[in-house]
Amino acid sequence: MKQKRDNRTSEYDRFRNEKIAKHEEWVKELLKKYPDINAENIHAILQKEVGLVFVHVLEDAGVYKCTPKGREDFMRFVDSL
């Protein structure tokens, strides 16, 4: 009888890989947030979560932050044109 292969790896093994080790904390957060994560929904979950991270990157990359001070500075710039 052929033994079914288990594709899961231990947490230790999973984060020994340098390329993904830097995402360990984020993965742990996702596992808490999505307790029913599986092969069918992982792609949609990752698309959503990467999008949320990217929104923060874009907000922080702006010349004028999306804060009261940032909006004030932006309006000062617009008024100077």
Protein backbone atom coordinates (compact mmCIF):
# COMPACT_ATOMS: atom_id res chain seq x y z
CA MET A 1 0.00 0.00 0.00
CA LYS A 2 1.36 3.38 -1.01
CA GLN A 3 1.64 5.90 1.81
CA LYS A 4 0.00 9.27 1.22
CA ARG A 5 2.58 12.04 1.00
CA ASP A 6 2.17 14.88 3.47
CA ASN A 7 3.09 18.15 1.73
CA ARG A 8 3.02 20.15 4.95
CA THR A 9 6.30 21.02 6.55
CA SER A 10 7.05 21.81 10.12
CA GLU A 11 7.10 25.46 11.12
CA TYR A 12 10.81 25.13 11.79
CA ASP A 13 11.52 23.80 8.30
CA ARG A 14 9.22 26.29 6.60
CA PHE A 15 11.03 29.34 7.95
CA ARG A 16 14.56 28.02 7.55
CA ASN A 17 14.32 29.06 3.89
CA GLU A 18 15.96 32.50 3.68
CA LYS A 19 13.62 33.67 0.92
CA ILE A 20 10.52 33.28 3.06
CA ALA A 21 11.90 33.63 6.58
CA LYS A 22 11.47 37.40 6.43
CA HIS A 23 7.71 36.86 6.08
CA GLU A 24 7.35 34.63 9.14
CA GLU A 25 5.48 37.13 11.32
CA TRP A 26 3.14 38.09 8.48
CA VAL A 27 2.36 34.42 7.76
CA LYS A 28 1.60 33.82 11.42
CA GLU A 29 -0.80 36.79 11.39
CA LEU A 30 -2.51 35.43 8.27
CA LEU A 31 -2.89 31.99 9.82
CA LYS A 32 -4.64 33.58 12.82
CA LYS A 33 -6.80 35.82 10.64
CA TYR A 34 -7.80 32.99 8.27
CA PRO A 35 -8.14 29.77 10.29
CA ASP A 36 -9.73 27.97 7.31
CA ILE A 37 -6.94 28.77 4.84
CA ASN A 38 -6.55 26.03 2.22
CA ALA A 39 -5.42 25.34 -1.35
CA GLU A 40 -8.70 26.61 -2.78
CA ASN A 41 -8.70 30.02 -1.06
CA ILE A 42 -5.00 30.81 -0.58
CA HIS A 43 -4.64 32.72 -3.86
CA ALA A 44 -7.57 35.04 -3.12
CA ILE A 45 -6.38 35.57 0.46
CA LEU A 46 -2.85 36.44 -0.65
CA GLN A 47 -4.12 38.80 -3.35
CA LYS A 48 -6.24 40.62 -0.78
CA GLU A 49 -3.52 40.78 1.88
CA VAL A 50 -0.73 41.82 -0.49
CA GLY A 51 -3.06 44.53 -1.78
CA LEU A 52 -3.61 45.79 1.77
CA VAL A 53 0.16 45.93 2.36
CA PHE A 54 0.68 47.68 -0.97
CA VAL A 55 -1.89 50.35 -0.05
CA HIS A 56 0.23 51.21 2.98
CA VAL A 57 3.37 51.31 0.83
CA LEU A 58 1.70 53.72 -1.58
CA GLU A 59 0.42 55.89 1.27
CA ASP A 60 3.90 56.11 2.75
CA ALA A 61 5.56 56.72 -0.61
CA GLY A 62 3.51 59.82 -1.37
CA VAL A 63 5.17 63.20 -1.33
CA TYR A 64 2.26 64.41 0.77
CA LYS A 65 1.05 61.99 3.41
CA CYS A 66 -2.65 61.33 3.83
CA THR A 67 -2.77 63.19 7.15
CA PRO A 68 -4.13 66.61 8.09
CA LYS A 69 -0.62 68.07 7.82
CA GLY A 70 -0.01 66.33 4.49
CA ARG A 71 -3.28 67.67 3.04
CA GLU A 72 -2.44 71.14 4.36
CA ASP A 73 1.01 70.99 2.76
CA PHE A 74 -0.53 69.77 -0.52
CA MET A 75 -3.02 72.62 -0.56
CA ARG A 76 -0.20 75.09 0.12
CA PHE A 77 1.58 73.66 -2.93
CA VAL A 78 -1.59 73.89 -5.07
CA ASP A 79 -2.15 77.48 -3.99
CA SER A 80 1.40 78.37 -5.01
CA LEU A 81 0.76 77.35 -8.64
